[in-house]
C-alpha cells in the first residue's frame, strides 16, 4: 500500500494501535514511527550536516527517483546507526514523536526543504518521500483481526 496523504498514515497507525498487530519484520510500531520521525527531522531541523555534494547528486539520481516511484530502497542499503530507533521506545512514545512531525508538516509547511542525503526538495517531493518511507515501513505490520 502506498499512502497518498498523512491522514492515511494516521488512520493506519490508529488501526494498528486499536487492534494490535503482527510484525512482519523486526521493528515495533513505536520503533517504525521513531525512525520515520528521525529521518523527517533531518530536513526540518537546521544545522544537520549534509552529505558531500557529489554523493547527494549520485543518490538523488539513483535512489530518489526509485523511492518516489514506489520501488523503495535498494536491498544493499543500510541506514546509518544514527537513523535507527531505540530498542526501548514504546509504541506510544514512537507514535507521539511521528505525529508531532506530521503535525508540523501539515500545519507549518515550507515551500522548500533541504534533505542532507538528496539535497534541495520542493514540498511535493518532500511529502512524497515521507509518504513512501512510511508506506515501506508500516507495510511490515499487519493489524490483528
N, C-alpha and C. Protein backbone atom coordinates (compact mmCIF):
# COMPACT_ATOMS: atom_id res chain seq x y z
N UNK A 1 0.85 -1.19 0.00
CA UNK A 1 0.00 0.00 0.00
C UNK A 1 0.88 1.24 0.00
N UNK A 2 0.58 2.17 -0.89
CA UNK A 2 1.29 3.44 -0.91
C UNK A 2 0.36 4.52 -0.38
N UNK A 3 0.78 5.13 0.73
CA UNK A 3 -0.03 6.20 1.30
C UNK A 3 -0.03 7.40 0.36
N UNK A 4 -1.19 8.04 0.28
CA UNK A 4 -1.34 9.23 -0.56
C UNK A 4 -1.45 10.50 0.26
N UNK A 5 -1.59 10.35 1.58
CA UNK A 5 -1.70 11.52 2.44
C UNK A 5 -1.24 11.18 3.85
N UNK A 6 -0.95 12.21 4.61
CA UNK A 6 -0.58 12.00 6.01
C UNK A 6 -1.78 11.50 6.81
N UNK A 7 -2.98 11.88 6.40
CA UNK A 7 -4.19 11.37 7.07
C UNK A 7 -4.30 9.86 6.93
N UNK A 8 -3.93 9.33 5.78
CA UNK A 8 -3.95 7.88 5.60
C UNK A 8 -2.96 7.19 6.54
N UNK A 9 -1.80 7.81 6.74
CA UNK A 9 -0.81 7.25 7.68
C UNK A 9 -1.40 7.24 9.08
N UNK A 10 -1.99 8.36 9.48
CA UNK A 10 -2.56 8.45 10.83
C UNK A 10 -3.68 7.43 11.03
N UNK A 11 -4.49 7.21 10.00
CA UNK A 11 -5.56 6.21 10.09
C UNK A 11 -4.98 4.81 10.25
N UNK A 12 -3.94 4.50 9.50
CA UNK A 12 -3.30 3.19 9.60
C UNK A 12 -2.70 2.99 10.98
N UNK A 13 -2.05 4.01 11.50
CA UNK A 13 -1.46 3.91 12.84
C UNK A 13 -2.55 3.71 13.88
N UNK A 14 -3.66 4.44 13.76
CA UNK A 14 -4.77 4.29 14.71
C UNK A 14 -5.32 2.87 14.68
N UNK A 15 -5.43 2.29 13.49
CA UNK A 15 -5.90 0.91 13.36
C UNK A 15 -4.93 -0.05 14.04
N UNK A 16 -3.64 0.12 13.81
CA UNK A 16 -2.64 -0.74 14.43
C UNK A 16 -2.66 -0.61 15.95
N UNK A 17 -2.85 0.62 16.44
CA UNK A 17 -2.91 0.84 17.89
C UNK A 17 -4.15 0.19 18.50
N UNK A 18 -5.28 0.31 17.82
CA UNK A 18 -6.54 -0.18 18.40
C UNK A 18 -6.67 -1.70 18.33
N UNK A 19 -6.19 -2.31 17.26
CA UNK A 19 -6.34 -3.76 17.09
C UNK A 19 -5.13 -4.56 17.57
N UNK A 20 -3.99 -3.87 17.68
CA UNK A 20 -2.76 -4.61 17.86
C UNK A 20 -2.28 -5.05 16.49
N UNK A 21 -1.13 -5.68 16.43
CA UNK A 21 -0.56 -6.01 15.13
C UNK A 21 0.40 -7.19 15.23
N UNK A 22 0.61 -7.78 14.08
CA UNK A 22 1.62 -8.82 13.92
C UNK A 22 2.79 -8.19 13.16
N UNK A 23 4.00 -8.49 13.61
CA UNK A 23 5.19 -7.97 12.94
C UNK A 23 5.59 -8.87 11.78
N UNK A 24 5.88 -8.24 10.67
CA UNK A 24 6.45 -8.96 9.55
C UNK A 24 7.93 -8.68 9.41
N UNK A 25 8.43 -7.89 10.34
CA UNK A 25 9.85 -7.52 10.36
C UNK A 25 10.31 -7.47 11.81
N UNK A 26 11.38 -6.74 12.05
CA UNK A 26 11.95 -6.74 13.40
C UNK A 26 11.50 -5.56 14.26
N UNK A 27 11.00 -4.50 13.65
CA UNK A 27 10.65 -3.30 14.42
C UNK A 27 9.19 -3.30 14.85
N UNK A 28 8.96 -2.71 16.01
CA UNK A 28 7.60 -2.49 16.53
C UNK A 28 7.03 -1.22 15.89
N UNK A 29 5.76 -0.97 16.13
CA UNK A 29 5.13 0.26 15.67
C UNK A 29 5.88 1.47 16.22
N UNK A 30 6.23 1.45 17.49
CA UNK A 30 6.95 2.57 18.09
C UNK A 30 8.30 2.80 17.45
N UNK A 31 9.00 1.72 17.15
CA UNK A 31 10.32 1.84 16.52
C UNK A 31 10.19 2.38 15.09
N UNK A 32 9.21 1.90 14.36
CA UNK A 32 8.99 2.39 13.00
C UNK A 32 8.69 3.89 13.04
N UNK A 33 7.78 4.29 13.91
CA UNK A 33 7.40 5.70 13.99
C UNK A 33 8.58 6.56 14.44
N UNK A 34 9.37 6.07 15.37
CA UNK A 34 10.53 6.84 15.80
C UNK A 34 11.53 6.99 14.66
N UNK A 35 11.75 5.94 13.91
CA UNK A 35 12.65 6.01 12.75
C UNK A 35 12.13 7.03 11.73
N UNK A 36 10.83 6.98 11.42
CA UNK A 36 10.25 7.93 10.47
C UNK A 36 10.43 9.37 10.97
N UNK A 37 10.27 9.56 12.27
CA UNK A 37 10.45 10.89 12.87
C UNK A 37 11.90 11.34 12.75
N UNK A 38 12.83 10.49 13.06
CA UNK A 38 14.26 10.84 13.00
C UNK A 38 14.63 11.26 11.57
N UNK A 39 14.21 10.49 10.60
CA UNK A 39 14.56 10.78 9.21
C UNK A 39 13.92 12.08 8.73
N UNK A 40 12.65 12.28 9.04
CA UNK A 40 11.97 13.52 8.62
C UNK A 40 12.61 14.74 9.27
N UNK A 41 12.99 14.62 10.53
CA UNK A 41 13.60 15.76 11.26
C UNK A 41 14.90 16.23 10.62
N UNK A 42 15.58 15.34 9.91
CA UNK A 42 16.82 15.74 9.25
C UNK A 42 16.59 16.91 8.30
N UNK A 43 15.41 16.97 7.71
CA UNK A 43 15.09 18.06 6.78
C UNK A 43 14.38 19.23 7.46
N UNK A 44 13.96 19.05 8.69
CA UNK A 44 13.22 20.11 9.39
C UNK A 44 14.11 20.91 10.33
N UNK A 45 15.11 20.27 10.88
CA UNK A 45 15.96 20.94 11.86
C UNK A 45 17.19 21.52 11.19
N UNK A 46 17.46 22.81 11.42
CA UNK A 46 18.65 23.41 10.82
C UNK A 46 19.92 22.84 11.46
N UNK A 47 20.99 22.94 10.73
CA UNK A 47 22.27 22.54 11.28
C UNK A 47 22.65 21.10 11.05
N UNK A 48 21.83 20.33 10.35
CA UNK A 48 22.19 18.95 10.04
C UNK A 48 23.23 18.99 8.92
N UNK A 49 24.33 18.31 9.13
CA UNK A 49 25.41 18.31 8.15
C UNK A 49 25.02 17.48 6.93
N UNK A 50 25.06 18.07 5.74
CA UNK A 50 24.71 17.31 4.54
C UNK A 50 25.84 16.39 4.10
N UNK A 51 25.47 15.41 3.31
CA UNK A 51 26.47 14.56 2.67
C UNK A 51 27.22 15.41 1.66
N UNK A 52 28.42 15.01 1.25
CA UNK A 52 29.13 15.74 0.20
C UNK A 52 28.27 15.87 -1.05
N UNK A 53 28.39 16.97 -1.76
CA UNK A 53 27.50 17.25 -2.89
C UNK A 53 27.53 16.16 -3.95
N UNK A 54 28.68 15.57 -4.20
CA UNK A 54 28.75 14.53 -5.23
C UNK A 54 27.93 13.30 -4.82
N UNK A 55 27.96 12.97 -3.54
CA UNK A 55 27.16 11.85 -3.05
C UNK A 55 25.67 12.17 -3.15
N UNK A 56 25.30 13.42 -2.81
CA UNK A 56 23.89 13.82 -2.93
C UNK A 56 23.41 13.72 -4.37
N UNK A 57 24.22 14.18 -5.31
CA UNK A 57 23.84 14.13 -6.72
C UNK A 57 23.68 12.68 -7.19
N UNK A 58 24.61 11.84 -6.82
CA UNK A 58 24.56 10.44 -7.21
C UNK A 58 23.35 9.74 -6.60
N UNK A 59 23.14 9.93 -5.30
CA UNK A 59 21.99 9.30 -4.64
C UNK A 59 20.67 9.83 -5.16
N UNK A 60 20.62 11.13 -5.45
CA UNK A 60 19.38 11.70 -5.98
C UNK A 60 19.04 11.05 -7.31
N UNK A 61 20.03 10.85 -8.14
CA UNK A 61 19.77 10.24 -9.46
C UNK A 61 19.41 8.76 -9.34
N UNK A 62 20.13 8.04 -8.51
CA UNK A 62 19.97 6.59 -8.46
C UNK A 62 18.86 6.12 -7.53
N UNK A 63 18.68 6.82 -6.42
CA UNK A 63 17.80 6.29 -5.37
C UNK A 63 16.51 7.09 -5.23
N UNK A 64 16.57 8.41 -5.26
CA UNK A 64 15.37 9.21 -5.02
C UNK A 64 14.25 8.88 -6.00
N UNK A 65 14.56 8.81 -7.27
CA UNK A 65 13.53 8.51 -8.26
C UNK A 65 12.91 7.13 -8.01
N UNK A 66 13.74 6.20 -7.63
CA UNK A 66 13.26 4.85 -7.32
C UNK A 66 12.28 4.87 -6.15
N UNK A 67 12.62 5.63 -5.10
CA UNK A 67 11.74 5.75 -3.93
C UNK A 67 10.43 6.42 -4.31
N UNK A 68 10.52 7.54 -5.03
CA UNK A 68 9.32 8.29 -5.40
C UNK A 68 8.39 7.48 -6.30
N UNK A 69 8.95 6.54 -7.05
CA UNK A 69 8.13 5.68 -7.91
C UNK A 69 7.56 4.48 -7.16
N UNK A 70 7.83 4.40 -5.85
CA UNK A 70 7.26 3.34 -5.03
C UNK A 70 8.05 2.05 -5.05
N UNK A 71 9.29 2.09 -5.56
CA UNK A 71 10.10 0.88 -5.63
C UNK A 71 10.94 0.66 -4.38
N UNK A 72 11.08 1.65 -3.55
CA UNK A 72 11.84 1.50 -2.32
C UNK A 72 13.33 1.60 -2.51
N UNK A 73 14.04 1.42 -1.42
CA UNK A 73 15.50 1.48 -1.45
C UNK A 73 16.08 0.18 -1.99
N UNK A 74 17.27 0.27 -2.57
CA UNK A 74 17.93 -0.97 -3.00
C UNK A 74 18.20 -1.87 -1.79
N UNK A 75 18.22 -3.16 -1.99
CA UNK A 75 18.41 -4.12 -0.90
C UNK A 75 19.75 -3.94 -0.19
N UNK A 76 20.74 -3.42 -0.88
CA UNK A 76 22.07 -3.25 -0.28
C UNK A 76 22.12 -2.08 0.71
N UNK A 77 21.12 -1.20 0.68
CA UNK A 77 21.16 -0.01 1.53
C UNK A 77 20.99 -0.37 3.00
N UNK A 78 21.87 0.16 3.82
CA UNK A 78 21.79 0.02 5.27
C UNK A 78 21.84 1.41 5.88
N UNK A 79 20.83 1.80 6.65
CA UNK A 79 20.84 3.16 7.22
C UNK A 79 21.94 3.31 8.27
N UNK A 80 22.47 4.51 8.40
CA UNK A 80 23.44 4.75 9.47
C UNK A 80 22.78 4.55 10.83
N UNK A 81 23.58 4.17 11.81
CA UNK A 81 23.01 3.86 13.13
C UNK A 81 22.31 5.06 13.76
N UNK A 82 22.68 6.28 13.36
CA UNK A 82 22.01 7.47 13.90
C UNK A 82 20.54 7.54 13.49
N UNK A 83 20.18 6.82 12.45
CA UNK A 83 18.79 6.83 11.97
C UNK A 83 17.96 5.67 12.51
N UNK A 84 18.60 4.80 13.26
CA UNK A 84 17.89 3.64 13.79
C UNK A 84 17.16 3.99 15.08
N UNK A 85 16.01 3.36 15.31
CA UNK A 85 15.24 3.64 16.53
C UNK A 85 15.86 2.98 17.76
N UNK A 86 15.43 3.45 18.89
CA UNK A 86 15.84 2.87 20.16
C UNK A 86 15.20 1.49 20.33
N UNK A 87 15.91 0.61 20.99
CA UNK A 87 15.35 -0.71 21.30
C UNK A 87 14.27 -0.63 22.38
N UNK A 88 14.25 0.48 23.12
CA UNK A 88 13.35 0.58 24.27
C UNK A 88 12.16 1.51 24.06
N UNK A 89 12.05 2.12 22.88
CA UNK A 89 10.93 3.04 22.65
C UNK A 89 9.62 2.25 22.68
N UNK A 90 8.62 2.80 23.35
CA UNK A 90 7.30 2.17 23.38
C UNK A 90 6.52 2.60 22.13
N UNK A 91 5.45 1.86 21.85
CA UNK A 91 4.60 2.26 20.73
C UNK A 91 4.06 3.66 20.95
N UNK A 92 3.59 3.95 22.14
CA UNK A 92 3.02 5.27 22.42
C UNK A 92 4.05 6.38 22.21
N UNK A 93 5.27 6.18 22.66
CA UNK A 93 6.32 7.20 22.50
C UNK A 93 6.66 7.43 21.03
N UNK A 94 6.88 6.36 20.30
CA UNK A 94 7.23 6.49 18.89
C UNK A 94 6.12 7.12 18.07
N UNK A 95 4.89 6.69 18.33
CA UNK A 95 3.74 7.25 17.61
C UNK A 95 3.62 8.74 17.90
N UNK A 96 3.77 9.12 19.16
CA UNK A 96 3.67 10.54 19.52
C UNK A 96 4.74 11.37 18.81
N UNK A 97 5.94 10.86 18.71
CA UNK A 97 7.03 11.57 18.03
C UNK A 97 6.72 11.76 16.54
N UNK A 98 6.23 10.72 15.90
CA UNK A 98 5.92 10.79 14.48
C UNK A 98 4.72 11.70 14.23
N UNK A 99 3.72 11.63 15.11
CA UNK A 99 2.56 12.51 14.97
C UNK A 99 2.96 13.98 15.09
N UNK A 100 3.91 14.29 15.95
CA UNK A 100 4.37 15.67 16.10
C UNK A 100 5.00 16.18 14.80
N UNK A 101 5.76 15.33 14.13
CA UNK A 101 6.35 15.72 12.86
C UNK A 101 5.27 15.88 11.80
N UNK A 102 4.33 14.94 11.74
CA UNK A 102 3.24 15.06 10.77
C UNK A 102 2.47 16.36 11.00
N UNK A 103 2.20 16.69 12.26
CA UNK A 103 1.51 17.94 12.58
C UNK A 103 2.29 19.13 12.05
N UNK A 104 3.59 19.12 12.24
CA UNK A 104 4.43 20.22 11.75
C UNK A 104 4.39 20.29 10.22
N UNK A 105 4.45 19.15 9.56
CA UNK A 105 4.43 19.13 8.10
C UNK A 105 3.10 19.63 7.54
N UNK A 106 2.02 19.25 8.18
CA UNK A 106 0.69 19.61 7.69
C UNK A 106 0.34 21.07 8.01
N UNK A 107 0.64 21.50 9.23
CA UNK A 107 0.20 22.83 9.67
C UNK A 107 1.24 23.94 9.49
N UNK A 108 2.49 23.58 9.26
CA UNK A 108 3.54 24.59 9.07
C UNK A 108 4.43 24.18 7.90
N UNK A 109 3.81 24.00 6.72
CA UNK A 109 4.61 23.53 5.59
C UNK A 109 5.58 24.61 5.09
N UNK A 110 6.61 24.16 4.44
CA UNK A 110 7.59 25.05 3.81
C UNK A 110 7.49 24.85 2.30
N UNK A 111 7.96 25.83 1.55
CA UNK A 111 7.98 25.65 0.10
C UNK A 111 9.15 24.79 -0.33
N UNK A 112 10.26 24.88 0.41
CA UNK A 112 11.47 24.12 0.09
C UNK A 112 11.99 23.43 1.34
N UNK A 113 12.57 22.27 1.14
CA UNK A 113 13.21 21.51 2.21
C UNK A 113 14.61 21.16 1.75
N UNK A 114 15.52 21.02 2.70
CA UNK A 114 16.85 20.54 2.35
C UNK A 114 17.06 19.20 3.02
N UNK A 115 17.19 18.19 2.20
CA UNK A 115 17.44 16.85 2.70
C UNK A 115 18.94 16.60 2.64
N UNK A 116 19.55 16.19 3.77
CA UNK A 116 21.00 16.01 3.79
C UNK A 116 21.51 14.90 2.87
N UNK A 117 20.62 14.02 2.43
CA UNK A 117 21.02 12.95 1.51
C UNK A 117 20.73 13.33 0.06
N UNK A 118 19.55 13.89 -0.20
CA UNK A 118 19.13 14.16 -1.57
C UNK A 118 19.25 15.62 -1.99
N UNK A 119 19.55 16.52 -1.07
CA UNK A 119 19.69 17.94 -1.41
C UNK A 119 18.36 18.67 -1.34
N UNK A 120 18.25 19.79 -2.07
CA UNK A 120 17.02 20.59 -2.02
C UNK A 120 15.84 19.84 -2.64
N UNK A 121 14.69 19.92 -1.94
CA UNK A 121 13.47 19.28 -2.42
C UNK A 121 12.31 20.26 -2.32
N UNK A 122 11.42 20.25 -3.33
CA UNK A 122 10.21 21.07 -3.20
C UNK A 122 9.25 20.33 -2.26
N UNK A 123 8.20 21.02 -1.87
CA UNK A 123 7.29 20.45 -0.87
C UNK A 123 6.65 19.15 -1.35
N UNK A 124 6.20 19.11 -2.59
CA UNK A 124 5.55 17.90 -3.08
C UNK A 124 6.50 16.71 -3.05
N UNK A 125 7.74 16.91 -3.48
CA UNK A 125 8.71 15.83 -3.48
C UNK A 125 9.03 15.39 -2.06
N UNK A 126 9.19 16.36 -1.17
CA UNK A 126 9.49 16.03 0.23
C UNK A 126 8.35 15.24 0.85
N UNK A 127 7.12 15.70 0.65
CA UNK A 127 5.96 14.98 1.21
C UNK A 127 5.87 13.57 0.63
N UNK A 128 6.06 13.43 -0.67
CA UNK A 128 6.00 12.12 -1.30
C UNK A 128 7.08 11.20 -0.73
N UNK A 129 8.25 11.73 -0.49
CA UNK A 129 9.33 10.95 0.10
C UNK A 129 8.93 10.42 1.48
N UNK A 130 8.30 11.28 2.29
CA UNK A 130 7.85 10.85 3.62
C UNK A 130 6.75 9.80 3.52
N UNK A 131 5.83 9.98 2.58
CA UNK A 131 4.73 9.03 2.40
C UNK A 131 5.24 7.67 1.94
N UNK A 132 6.19 7.67 1.02
CA UNK A 132 6.77 6.40 0.54
C UNK A 132 7.55 5.71 1.66
N UNK A 133 8.29 6.49 2.43
CA UNK A 133 9.07 5.93 3.53
C UNK A 133 8.14 5.26 4.55
N UNK A 134 7.06 5.97 4.91
CA UNK A 134 6.09 5.41 5.85
C UNK A 134 5.40 4.17 5.26
N UNK A 135 5.08 4.21 3.97
CA UNK A 135 4.44 3.06 3.32
C UNK A 135 5.33 1.83 3.42
N UNK A 136 6.60 2.02 3.18
CA UNK A 136 7.54 0.90 3.24
C UNK A 136 7.56 0.27 4.63
N UNK A 137 7.82 1.08 5.64
CA UNK A 137 7.99 0.54 6.99
C UNK A 137 6.69 0.02 7.60
N UNK A 138 5.60 0.76 7.44
CA UNK A 138 4.35 0.33 8.05
C UNK A 138 3.77 -0.91 7.37
N UNK A 139 4.25 -1.21 6.16
CA UNK A 139 3.76 -2.41 5.47
C UNK A 139 4.22 -3.69 6.18
N UNK A 140 5.17 -3.59 7.08
CA UNK A 140 5.64 -4.77 7.81
C UNK A 140 4.76 -5.11 9.02
N UNK A 141 3.77 -4.26 9.29
CA UNK A 141 2.85 -4.52 10.41
C UNK A 141 1.46 -4.83 9.87
N UNK A 142 0.91 -5.94 10.32
CA UNK A 142 -0.45 -6.34 9.92
C UNK A 142 -1.37 -6.20 11.11
N UNK A 143 -2.49 -5.47 10.95
CA UNK A 143 -3.42 -5.39 12.07
C UNK A 143 -4.01 -6.75 12.41
N UNK A 144 -4.18 -7.00 13.69
CA UNK A 144 -4.85 -8.23 14.11
C UNK A 144 -6.33 -8.10 13.79
N UNK A 145 -6.98 -9.23 13.55
CA UNK A 145 -8.41 -9.21 13.22
C UNK A 145 -9.28 -9.12 14.43
